[in-house]
Amino acid sequence: WQQRLKFEPHTETVRVTLIRSLEH
């Protein structure tokens, strides 16, 4: 939500982006 304008999962799926972010 806070970074919604920067959230750019175009290089991978939204699901993968969420999983990688959660790992971090």
PDB file of all heavy atoms in Angstrom:
ATOM      1  N   TRP A   1       0.825  -1.205   0.000  1.00  0.00           N
ATOM      2  CA  TRP A   1       0.000   0.000   0.000  1.00  0.00           C
ATOM      3  C   TRP A   1       0.864   1.264   0.000  1.00  0.00           C
ATOM      4  O   TRP A   1       0.631   2.175  -0.786  1.00  0.00           O
ATOM      5  CB  TRP A   1      -0.948  -0.007   1.189  1.00  0.00           C
ATOM      6  CG  TRP A   1      -1.852   1.182   1.184  1.00  0.00           C
ATOM      7  CD1 TRP A   1      -1.769   2.285   1.974  1.00  0.00           C
ATOM      8  CD2 TRP A   1      -2.981   1.392   0.330  1.00  0.00           C
ATOM      9  NE1 TRP A   1      -2.765   3.162   1.670  1.00  0.00           N
ATOM     10  CE2 TRP A   1      -3.530   2.638   0.660  1.00  0.00           C
ATOM     11  CE3 TRP A   1      -3.585   0.640  -0.683  1.00  0.00           C
ATOM     12  CZ2 TRP A   1      -4.652   3.158   0.017  1.00  0.00           C
ATOM     13  CZ3 TRP A   1      -4.705   1.167  -1.318  1.00  0.00           C
ATOM     14  CH2 TRP A   1      -5.220   2.405  -0.969  1.00  0.00           C
ATOM     15  N   GLN A   2       1.841   1.314   0.888  1.00  0.00           N
ATOM     16  CA  GLN A   2       2.668   2.514   1.017  1.00  0.00           C
ATOM     17  C   GLN A   2       3.520   2.765  -0.228  1.00  0.00           C
ATOM     18  O   GLN A   2       3.798   3.913  -0.566  1.00  0.00           O
ATOM     19  CB  GLN A   2       3.563   2.410   2.246  1.00  0.00           C
ATOM     20  CG  GLN A   2       2.786   2.460   3.544  1.00  0.00           C
ATOM     21  CD  GLN A   2       3.613   2.037   4.752  1.00  0.00           C
ATOM     22  OE1 GLN A   2       4.698   1.491   4.619  1.00  0.00           O
ATOM     23  NE2 GLN A   2       3.067   2.279   5.933  1.00  0.00           N
ATOM     24  N   GLN A   3       3.933   1.708  -0.889  1.00  0.00           N
ATOM     25  CA  GLN A   3       4.813   1.840  -2.057  1.00  0.00           C
ATOM     26  C   GLN A   3       4.074   1.505  -3.352  1.00  0.00           C
ATOM     27  O   GLN A   3       4.685   1.091  -4.333  1.00  0.00           O
ATOM     28  CB  GLN A   3       6.033   0.944  -1.877  1.00  0.00           C
ATOM     29  CG  GLN A   3       6.847   1.312  -0.666  1.00  0.00           C
ATOM     30  CD  GLN A   3       7.975   0.332  -0.399  1.00  0.00           C
ATOM     31  OE1 GLN A   3       8.255  -0.566  -1.171  1.00  0.00           O
ATOM     32  NE2 GLN A   3       8.635   0.510   0.737  1.00  0.00           N
ATOM     33  N   ARG A   4       2.769   1.704  -3.350  1.00  0.00           N
ATOM     34  CA  ARG A   4       1.934   1.274  -4.475  1.00  0.00           C
ATOM     35  C   ARG A   4       2.348   1.884  -5.812  1.00  0.00           C
ATOM     36  O   ARG A   4       2.201   1.256  -6.848  1.00  0.00           O
ATOM     37  CB  ARG A   4       0.457   1.529  -4.192  1.00  0.00           C
ATOM     38  CG  ARG A   4       0.081   2.973  -4.034  1.00  0.00           C
ATOM     39  CD  ARG A   4      -1.374   3.108  -3.568  1.00  0.00           C
ATOM     40  NE  ARG A   4      -1.634   4.466  -3.158  1.00  0.00           N
ATOM     41  CZ  ARG A   4      -1.419   4.929  -1.927  1.00  0.00           C
ATOM     42  NH1 ARG A   4      -0.943   4.117  -0.996  1.00  0.00           N
ATOM     43  NH2 ARG A   4      -1.679   6.175  -1.629  1.00  0.00           N
ATOM     44  N   LEU A   5       2.872   3.098  -5.786  1.00  0.00           N
ATOM     45  CA  LEU A   5       3.274   3.722  -7.041  1.00  0.00           C
ATOM     46  C   LEU A   5       4.596   3.156  -7.558  1.00  0.00           C
ATOM     47  O   LEU A   5       4.886   3.228  -8.745  1.00  0.00           O
ATOM     48  CB  LEU A   5       3.383   5.247  -6.873  1.00  0.00           C
ATOM     49  CG  LEU A   5       2.064   5.939  -6.535  1.00  0.00           C
ATOM     50  CD1 LEU A   5       2.296   7.429  -6.329  1.00  0.00           C
ATOM     51  CD2 LEU A   5       1.005   5.691  -7.603  1.00  0.00           C
ATOM     52  N   LYS A   6       5.391   2.561  -6.660  1.00  0.00           N
ATOM     53  CA  LYS A   6       6.678   1.969  -7.042  1.00  0.00           C
ATOM     54  C   LYS A   6       6.560   0.468  -7.301  1.00  0.00           C
ATOM     55  O   LYS A   6       7.499  -0.147  -7.786  1.00  0.00           O
ATOM     56  CB  LYS A   6       7.712   2.194  -5.934  1.00  0.00           C
ATOM     57  CG  LYS A   6       8.013   3.645  -5.670  1.00  0.00           C
ATOM     58  CD  LYS A   6       8.973   3.758  -4.512  1.00  0.00           C
ATOM     59  CE  LYS A   6       9.144   5.195  -4.082  1.00  0.00           C
ATOM     60  NZ  LYS A   6       9.949   5.293  -2.866  1.00  0.00           N
ATOM     61  N   PHE A   7       5.433  -0.119  -6.919  1.00  0.00           N
ATOM     62  CA  PHE A   7       5.248  -1.566  -7.023  1.00  0.00           C
ATOM     63  C   PHE A   7       5.101  -1.936  -8.493  1.00  0.00           C
ATOM     64  O   PHE A   7       4.080  -1.677  -9.114  1.00  0.00           O
ATOM     65  CB  PHE A   7       4.010  -1.981  -6.222  1.00  0.00           C
ATOM     66  CG  PHE A   7       3.888  -3.464  -6.009  1.00  0.00           C
ATOM     67  CD1 PHE A   7       4.676  -4.112  -5.076  1.00  0.00           C
ATOM     68  CD2 PHE A   7       2.977  -4.210  -6.726  1.00  0.00           C
ATOM     69  CE1 PHE A   7       4.563  -5.479  -4.864  1.00  0.00           C
ATOM     70  CE2 PHE A   7       2.854  -5.574  -6.524  1.00  0.00           C
ATOM     71  CZ  PHE A   7       3.647  -6.203  -5.593  1.00  0.00           C
ATOM     72  N   GLU A   8       6.144  -2.537  -9.067  1.00  0.00           N
ATOM     73  CA  GLU A   8       6.189  -2.856 -10.495  1.00  0.00           C
ATOM     74  C   GLU A   8       6.516  -4.334 -10.716  1.00  0.00           C
ATOM     75  O   GLU A   8       7.659  -4.677 -10.993  1.00  0.00           O
ATOM     76  CB  GLU A   8       7.247  -1.990 -11.200  1.00  0.00           C
ATOM     77  CG  GLU A   8       6.926  -0.520 -11.237  1.00  0.00           C
ATOM     78  CD  GLU A   8       5.829  -0.176 -12.220  1.00  0.00           C
ATOM     79  OE1 GLU A   8       5.583  -0.953 -13.171  1.00  0.00           O
ATOM     80  OE2 GLU A   8       5.211   0.884 -12.040  1.00  0.00           O
ATOM     81  N   PRO A   9       5.543  -5.193 -10.631  1.00  0.00           N
ATOM     82  CA  PRO A   9       5.826  -6.625 -10.829  1.00  0.00           C
ATOM     83  C   PRO A   9       5.785  -7.068 -12.289  1.00  0.00           C
ATOM     84  O   PRO A   9       5.531  -8.217 -12.579  1.00  0.00           O
ATOM     85  CB  PRO A   9       4.704  -7.286 -10.025  1.00  0.00           C
ATOM     86  CG  PRO A   9       3.566  -6.328 -10.145  1.00  0.00           C
ATOM     87  CD  PRO A   9       4.189  -4.953 -10.174  1.00  0.00           C
ATOM     88  N   HIS A  10       6.040  -6.161 -13.226  1.00  0.00           N
ATOM     89  CA  HIS A  10       5.910  -6.518 -14.646  1.00  0.00           C
ATOM     90  C   HIS A  10       6.945  -7.532 -15.116  1.00  0.00           C
ATOM     91  O   HIS A  10       6.713  -8.252 -16.075  1.00  0.00           O
ATOM     92  CB  HIS A  10       5.978  -5.260 -15.515  1.00  0.00           C
ATOM     93  CG  HIS A  10       4.852  -4.319 -15.234  1.00  0.00           C
ATOM     94  ND1 HIS A  10       3.542  -4.642 -15.446  1.00  0.00           N
ATOM     95  CD2 HIS A  10       4.848  -3.068 -14.720  1.00  0.00           C
ATOM     96  CE1 HIS A  10       2.776  -3.638 -15.099  1.00  0.00           C
ATOM     97  NE2 HIS A  10       3.547  -2.664 -14.649  1.00  0.00           N
ATOM     98  N   THR A  11       8.110  -7.582 -14.465  1.00  0.00           N
ATOM     99  CA  THR A  11       9.124  -8.533 -14.907  1.00  0.00           C
ATOM    100  C   THR A  11       8.812  -9.955 -14.440  1.00  0.00           C
ATOM    101  O   THR A  11       9.360 -10.906 -14.963  1.00  0.00           O
ATOM    102  CB  THR A  11      10.518  -8.133 -14.392  1.00  0.00           C
ATOM    103  OG1 THR A  11      10.481  -8.049 -12.968  1.00  0.00           O
ATOM    104  CG2 THR A  11      10.948  -6.797 -14.976  1.00  0.00           C
ATOM    105  N   GLU A  12       7.955 -10.075 -13.456  1.00  0.00           N
ATOM    106  CA  GLU A  12       7.528 -11.391 -12.973  1.00  0.00           C
ATOM    107  C   GLU A  12       6.081 -11.267 -12.517  1.00  0.00           C
ATOM    108  O   GLU A  12       5.532 -10.177 -12.474  1.00  0.00           O
ATOM    109  CB  GLU A  12       8.435 -11.869 -11.841  1.00  0.00           C
ATOM    110  CG  GLU A  12       8.636 -10.850 -10.756  1.00  0.00           C
ATOM    111  CD  GLU A  12       9.795 -11.187  -9.834  1.00  0.00           C
ATOM    112  OE1 GLU A  12      10.735 -11.876 -10.237  1.00  0.00           O
ATOM    113  OE2 GLU A  12       9.730 -10.747  -8.694  1.00  0.00           O
ATOM    114  N   THR A  13       5.481 -12.358 -12.155  1.00  0.00           N
ATOM    115  CA  THR A  13       4.088 -12.296 -11.741  1.00  0.00           C
ATOM    116  C   THR A  13       3.959 -11.607 -10.387  1.00  0.00           C
ATOM    117  O   THR A  13       4.909 -11.534  -9.602  1.00  0.00           O
ATOM    118  CB  THR A  13       3.483 -13.709 -11.638  1.00  0.00           C
ATOM    119  OG1 THR A  13       4.133 -14.417 -10.572  1.00  0.00           O
ATOM    120  CG2 THR A  13       3.586 -14.464 -12.942  1.00  0.00           C
ATOM    121  N   VAL A  14       2.768 -11.114 -10.104  1.00  0.00           N
ATOM    122  CA  VAL A  14       2.498 -10.482  -8.817  1.00  0.00           C
ATOM    123  C   VAL A  14       2.750 -11.490  -7.699  1.00  0.00           C
ATOM    124  O   VAL A  14       3.349 -11.154  -6.676  1.00  0.00           O
ATOM    125  CB  VAL A  14       1.046  -9.944  -8.778  1.00  0.00           C
ATOM    126  CG1 VAL A  14       0.673  -9.470  -7.382  1.00  0.00           C
ATOM    127  CG2 VAL A  14       0.867  -8.826  -9.800  1.00  0.00           C
ATOM    128  N   ARG A  15       2.346 -12.728  -7.923  1.00  0.00           N
ATOM    129  CA  ARG A  15       2.545 -13.776  -6.911  1.00  0.00           C
ATOM    130  C   ARG A  15       4.022 -13.937  -6.557  1.00  0.00           C
ATOM    131  O   ARG A  15       4.389 -13.967  -5.376  1.00  0.00           O
ATOM    132  CB  ARG A  15       1.977 -15.089  -7.431  1.00  0.00           C
ATOM    133  CG  ARG A  15       2.189 -16.246  -6.519  1.00  0.00           C
ATOM    134  CD  ARG A  15       1.667 -17.522  -7.127  1.00  0.00           C
ATOM    135  NE  ARG A  15       2.003 -18.626  -6.258  1.00  0.00           N
ATOM    136  CZ  ARG A  15       1.713 -19.872  -6.516  1.00  0.00           C
ATOM    137  NH1 ARG A  15       1.069 -20.196  -7.605  1.00  0.00           N
ATOM    138  NH2 ARG A  15       2.062 -20.819  -5.685  1.00  0.00           N
ATOM    139  N   VAL A  16       4.869 -14.016  -7.567  1.00  0.00           N
ATOM    140  CA  VAL A  16       6.309 -14.177  -7.325  1.00  0.00           C
ATOM    141  C   VAL A  16       6.871 -12.936  -6.621  1.00  0.00           C
ATOM    142  O   VAL A  16       7.684 -13.048  -5.706  1.00  0.00           O
ATOM    143  CB  VAL A  16       7.060 -14.471  -8.643  1.00  0.00           C
ATOM    144  CG1 VAL A  16       8.558 -14.407  -8.448  1.00  0.00           C
ATOM    145  CG2 VAL A  16       6.644 -15.830  -9.181  1.00  0.00           C
ATOM    146  N   THR A  17       6.416 -11.766  -7.023  1.00  0.00           N
ATOM    147  CA  THR A  17       6.870 -10.533  -6.383  1.00  0.00           C
ATOM    148  C   THR A  17       6.489 -10.526  -4.905  1.00  0.00           C
ATOM    149  O   THR A  17       7.308 -10.164  -4.050  1.00  0.00           O
ATOM    150  CB  THR A  17       6.271  -9.300  -7.090  1.00  0.00           C
ATOM    151  OG1 THR A  17       6.672  -9.321  -8.462  1.00  0.00           O
ATOM    152  CG2 THR A  17       6.745  -8.008  -6.448  1.00  0.00           C
ATOM    153  N   LEU A  18       5.277 -10.941  -4.578  1.00  0.00           N
ATOM    154  CA  LEU A  18       4.844 -10.989  -3.181  1.00  0.00           C
ATOM    155  C   LEU A  18       5.668 -12.005  -2.391  1.00  0.00           C
ATOM    156  O   LEU A  18       6.082 -11.733  -1.263  1.00  0.00           O
ATOM    157  CB  LEU A  18       3.348 -11.328  -3.095  1.00  0.00           C
ATOM    158  CG  LEU A  18       2.389 -10.254  -3.592  1.00  0.00           C
ATOM    159  CD1 LEU A  18       0.960 -10.801  -3.631  1.00  0.00           C
ATOM    160  CD2 LEU A  18       2.473  -8.996  -2.737  1.00  0.00           C
ATOM    161  N   ILE A  19       5.922 -13.165  -2.980  1.00  0.00           N
ATOM    162  CA  ILE A  19       6.706 -14.199  -2.299  1.00  0.00           C
ATOM    163  C   ILE A  19       8.126 -13.710  -2.039  1.00  0.00           C
ATOM    164  O   ILE A  19       8.648 -13.861  -0.929  1.00  0.00           O
ATOM    165  CB  ILE A  19       6.696 -15.517  -3.112  1.00  0.00           C
ATOM    166  CG1 ILE A  19       5.301 -16.152  -3.033  1.00  0.00           C
ATOM    167  CG2 ILE A  19       7.769 -16.480  -2.623  1.00  0.00           C
ATOM    168  CD1 ILE A  19       5.097 -17.319  -3.987  1.00  0.00           C
ATOM    169  N   ARG A  20       8.747 -13.110  -3.025  1.00  0.00           N
ATOM    170  CA  ARG A  20      10.124 -12.611  -2.846  1.00  0.00           C
ATOM    171  C   ARG A  20      10.175 -11.496  -1.800  1.00  0.00           C
ATOM    172  O   ARG A  20      11.104 -11.427  -1.003  1.00  0.00           O
ATOM    173  CB  ARG A  20      10.696 -12.127  -4.171  1.00  0.00           C
ATOM    174  CG  ARG A  20      11.022 -13.260  -5.099  1.00  0.00           C
ATOM    175  CD  ARG A  20      11.545 -12.732  -6.414  1.00  0.00           C
ATOM    176  NE  ARG A  20      11.533 -13.791  -7.406  1.00  0.00           N
ATOM    177  CZ  ARG A  20      12.604 -14.194  -8.047  1.00  0.00           C
ATOM    178  NH1 ARG A  20      13.763 -13.639  -7.841  1.00  0.00           N
ATOM    179  NH2 ARG A  20      12.514 -15.163  -8.932  1.00  0.00           N
ATOM    180  N   SER A  21       9.181 -10.635  -1.826  1.00  0.00           N
ATOM    181  CA  SER A  21       9.120  -9.553  -0.835  1.00  0.00           C
ATOM    182  C   SER A  21       8.933 -10.121   0.565  1.00  0.00           C
ATOM    183  O   SER A  21       9.558  -9.647   1.526  1.00  0.00           O
ATOM    184  CB  SER A  21       7.978  -8.591  -1.170  1.00  0.00           C
ATOM    185  OG  SER A  21       8.192  -7.978  -2.415  1.00  0.00           O
ATOM    186  N   LEU A  22       8.098 -11.139   0.690  1.00  0.00           N
ATOM    187  CA  LEU A  22       7.889 -11.784   1.986  1.00  0.00           C
ATOM    188  C   LEU A  22       9.177 -12.430   2.477  1.00  0.00           C
ATOM    189  O   LEU A  22       9.525 -12.321   3.662  1.00  0.00           O
ATOM    190  CB  LEU A  22       6.774 -12.829   1.879  1.00  0.00           C
ATOM    191  CG  LEU A  22       6.414 -13.547   3.182  1.00  0.00           C
ATOM    192  CD1 LEU A  22       5.821 -12.574   4.189  1.00  0.00           C
ATOM    193  CD2 LEU A  22       5.444 -14.682   2.903  1.00  0.00           C
ATOM    194  N   GLU A  23       9.905 -13.094   1.585  1.00  0.00           N
ATOM    195  CA  GLU A  23      11.196 -13.687   1.961  1.00  0.00           C
ATOM    196  C   GLU A  23      12.134 -12.619   2.522  1.00  0.00           C
ATOM    197  O   GLU A  23      12.803 -12.838   3.525  1.00  0.00           O
ATOM    198  CB  GLU A  23      11.854 -14.353   0.750  1.00  0.00           C
ATOM    199  CG  GLU A  23      11.186 -15.619   0.306  1.00  0.00           C
ATOM    200  CD  GLU A  23      11.713 -16.138  -1.018  1.00  0.00           C
ATOM    201  OE1 GLU A  23      12.367 -15.376  -1.768  1.00  0.00           O
ATOM    202  OE2 GLU A  23      11.459 -17.314  -1.313  1.00  0.00           O
ATOM    203  N   HIS A  24      12.173 -11.477   1.876  1.00  0.00           N
ATOM    204  CA  HIS A  24      13.037 -10.377   2.316  1.00  0.00           C
ATOM    205  C   HIS A  24      12.611  -9.881   3.700  1.00  0.00           C
ATOM    206  O   HIS A  24      13.462  -9.654   4.571  1.00  0.00           O
ATOM    207  CB  HIS A  24      12.985  -9.246   1.289  1.00  0.00           C
ATOM    208  CG  HIS A  24      13.857  -8.093   1.627  1.00  0.00           C
ATOM    209  ND1 HIS A  24      15.235  -8.149   1.552  1.00  0.00           N
ATOM    210  CD2 HIS A  24      13.556  -6.850   2.074  1.00  0.00           C
ATOM    211  CE1 HIS A  24      15.734  -6.986   1.930  1.00  0.00           C
ATOM    212  NE2 HIS A  24      14.737  -6.184   2.247  1.00  0.00           N
TER     213      HIS A  24
END
